[in-house]
Amino acid sequence: MIDDTEIWYTDQVAEYLHTPATTIRWWRYIGQGPKSFKLGTRKVAYLRSDVEAWLQRQYAA
């Protein structure tokens, strides 16, 4: 199912953005990347719509 509420994980975001997963993690650490949230105690997740909105903001800047 592909829609705006699709949940992606770090590796999926990295693949979509053609960026290493370590860079995605670094962006999260410094507060620069797409909005993320925790699922449970260890899993970091992203909403597809948040990743796409962040990408649009990068393009517009």
N, C-alpha and C. Protein backbone atom coordinates (compact mmCIF):
# COMPACT_ATOMS: atom_id res chain seq x y z
N MET A 1 0.85 -1.18 0.00
CA MET A 1 0.00 0.00 0.00
C MET A 1 0.89 1.24 0.00
N ILE A 2 0.67 2.11 -0.93
CA ILE A 2 1.44 3.34 -0.99
C ILE A 2 0.47 4.50 -0.86
N ASP A 3 0.64 5.23 0.23
CA ASP A 3 -0.16 6.43 0.46
C ASP A 3 0.61 7.37 1.37
N ASP A 4 0.00 8.47 1.77
CA ASP A 4 0.69 9.48 2.57
C ASP A 4 1.01 9.02 3.99
N THR A 5 0.36 7.97 4.47
CA THR A 5 0.62 7.52 5.83
C THR A 5 1.55 6.31 5.87
N GLU A 6 2.17 6.00 4.75
CA GLU A 6 3.10 4.88 4.70
C GLU A 6 4.28 5.15 5.65
N ILE A 7 4.66 4.14 6.42
CA ILE A 7 5.76 4.27 7.36
C ILE A 7 7.02 3.72 6.72
N TRP A 8 8.07 4.53 6.76
CA TRP A 8 9.38 4.14 6.26
C TRP A 8 10.35 4.11 7.42
N TYR A 9 11.40 3.31 7.26
CA TYR A 9 12.48 3.24 8.24
C TYR A 9 13.73 3.87 7.62
N THR A 10 14.75 4.06 8.41
CA THR A 10 15.94 4.79 7.98
C THR A 10 16.48 4.29 6.65
N ASP A 11 16.61 2.99 6.48
CA ASP A 11 17.16 2.45 5.23
C ASP A 11 16.28 2.78 4.02
N GLN A 12 14.98 2.79 4.22
CA GLN A 12 14.06 3.12 3.12
C GLN A 12 14.17 4.60 2.76
N VAL A 13 14.29 5.46 3.77
CA VAL A 13 14.46 6.89 3.52
C VAL A 13 15.77 7.13 2.78
N ALA A 14 16.82 6.46 3.22
CA ALA A 14 18.13 6.59 2.58
C ALA A 14 18.07 6.18 1.11
N GLU A 15 17.39 5.08 0.84
CA GLU A 15 17.26 4.62 -0.54
C GLU A 15 16.47 5.63 -1.38
N TYR A 16 15.38 6.13 -0.83
CA TYR A 16 14.53 7.09 -1.54
C TYR A 16 15.30 8.37 -1.87
N LEU A 17 16.12 8.83 -0.91
CA LEU A 17 16.87 10.08 -1.08
C LEU A 17 18.23 9.87 -1.73
N HIS A 18 18.57 8.61 -2.02
CA HIS A 18 19.88 8.28 -2.60
C HIS A 18 21.00 8.85 -1.73
N THR A 19 20.88 8.61 -0.44
CA THR A 19 21.79 9.13 0.56
C THR A 19 22.14 7.99 1.52
N PRO A 20 23.38 7.91 1.99
CA PRO A 20 23.72 6.84 2.94
C PRO A 20 22.89 6.92 4.23
N ALA A 21 22.56 5.78 4.78
CA ALA A 21 21.78 5.72 6.02
C ALA A 21 22.50 6.46 7.15
N THR A 22 23.83 6.44 7.15
CA THR A 22 24.58 7.16 8.19
C THR A 22 24.31 8.66 8.11
N THR A 23 24.14 9.17 6.90
CA THR A 23 23.81 10.60 6.73
C THR A 23 22.42 10.89 7.26
N ILE A 24 21.47 10.01 6.99
CA ILE A 24 20.11 10.19 7.52
C ILE A 24 20.15 10.22 9.05
N ARG A 25 20.92 9.32 9.64
CA ARG A 25 21.05 9.28 11.11
C ARG A 25 21.69 10.57 11.63
N TRP A 26 22.71 11.05 10.94
CA TRP A 26 23.38 12.29 11.34
C TRP A 26 22.41 13.47 11.27
N TRP A 27 21.67 13.56 10.17
CA TRP A 27 20.68 14.63 10.04
C TRP A 27 19.69 14.59 11.20
N ARG A 28 19.25 13.37 11.57
CA ARG A 28 18.31 13.24 12.68
C ARG A 28 18.96 13.73 13.97
N TYR A 29 20.21 13.37 14.18
CA TYR A 29 20.94 13.76 15.39
C TYR A 29 21.07 15.27 15.51
N ILE A 30 21.35 15.96 14.40
CA ILE A 30 21.54 17.41 14.45
C ILE A 30 20.25 18.18 14.17
N GLY A 31 19.15 17.45 13.96
CA GLY A 31 17.86 18.10 13.75
C GLY A 31 17.67 18.72 12.38
N GLN A 32 18.35 18.21 11.36
CA GLN A 32 18.29 18.79 10.03
C GLN A 32 17.46 17.99 9.02
N GLY A 33 17.22 16.74 9.28
CA GLY A 33 16.56 15.88 8.31
C GLY A 33 15.05 15.86 8.41
N PRO A 34 14.44 14.92 7.70
CA PRO A 34 12.98 14.78 7.76
C PRO A 34 12.51 14.44 9.18
N LYS A 35 11.30 14.83 9.48
CA LYS A 35 10.70 14.55 10.79
C LYS A 35 10.63 13.04 11.00
N SER A 36 11.05 12.60 12.19
CA SER A 36 11.02 11.17 12.51
C SER A 36 10.35 10.97 13.87
N PHE A 37 10.08 9.72 14.17
CA PHE A 37 9.50 9.39 15.48
C PHE A 37 9.92 7.98 15.85
N LYS A 38 9.80 7.66 17.14
CA LYS A 38 10.20 6.34 17.62
C LYS A 38 9.00 5.40 17.62
N LEU A 39 9.24 4.19 17.17
CA LEU A 39 8.28 3.10 17.30
C LEU A 39 8.88 2.13 18.31
N GLY A 40 8.30 2.06 19.48
CA GLY A 40 8.90 1.24 20.52
C GLY A 40 10.10 1.95 21.11
N THR A 41 11.05 1.18 21.59
CA THR A 41 12.21 1.78 22.25
C THR A 41 13.39 2.02 21.32
N ARG A 42 13.44 1.31 20.19
CA ARG A 42 14.63 1.41 19.35
C ARG A 42 14.38 1.77 17.89
N LYS A 43 13.23 1.50 17.37
CA LYS A 43 12.97 1.68 15.95
C LYS A 43 12.62 3.13 15.64
N VAL A 44 13.35 3.72 14.70
CA VAL A 44 13.06 5.08 14.24
C VAL A 44 12.29 4.98 12.94
N ALA A 45 11.21 5.73 12.85
CA ALA A 45 10.34 5.67 11.69
C ALA A 45 10.07 7.07 11.14
N TYR A 46 9.64 7.09 9.90
CA TYR A 46 9.32 8.33 9.19
C TYR A 46 8.00 8.10 8.45
N LEU A 47 7.18 9.12 8.37
CA LEU A 47 6.03 9.07 7.48
C LEU A 47 6.49 9.50 6.10
N ARG A 48 6.05 8.77 5.11
CA ARG A 48 6.43 9.11 3.73
C ARG A 48 6.09 10.57 3.43
N SER A 49 4.93 11.02 3.87
CA SER A 49 4.52 12.40 3.60
C SER A 49 5.48 13.40 4.24
N ASP A 50 6.03 13.10 5.41
CA ASP A 50 7.01 13.98 6.05
C ASP A 50 8.32 14.02 5.27
N VAL A 51 8.75 12.88 4.77
CA VAL A 51 9.98 12.83 3.97
C VAL A 51 9.80 13.63 2.69
N GLU A 52 8.67 13.46 2.02
CA GLU A 52 8.42 14.18 0.78
C GLU A 52 8.28 15.69 1.02
N ALA A 53 7.64 16.07 2.14
CA ALA A 53 7.51 17.50 2.47
C ALA A 53 8.89 18.10 2.76
N TRP A 54 9.73 17.38 3.47
CA TRP A 54 11.08 17.85 3.76
C TRP A 54 11.86 18.03 2.46
N LEU A 55 11.73 17.08 1.55
CA LEU A 55 12.42 17.15 0.27
C LEU A 55 11.95 18.37 -0.53
N GLN A 56 10.67 18.65 -0.51
CA GLN A 56 10.13 19.83 -1.20
C GLN A 56 10.70 21.11 -0.60
N ARG A 57 10.82 21.16 0.72
CA ARG A 57 11.39 22.34 1.39
C ARG A 57 12.86 22.52 0.97
N GLN A 58 13.60 21.43 0.84
CA GLN A 58 15.00 21.51 0.41
C GLN A 58 15.08 22.05 -1.01
N TYR A 59 14.18 21.60 -1.85
CA TYR A 59 14.15 22.06 -3.24
C TYR A 59 13.83 23.55 -3.33
N ALA A 60 12.88 23.98 -2.50
CA ALA A 60 12.43 25.37 -2.54
C ALA A 60 13.48 26.34 -1.97
N ALA A 61 14.34 25.82 -1.12
CA ALA A 61 15.33 26.70 -0.45
C ALA A 61 16.44 27.10 -1.33
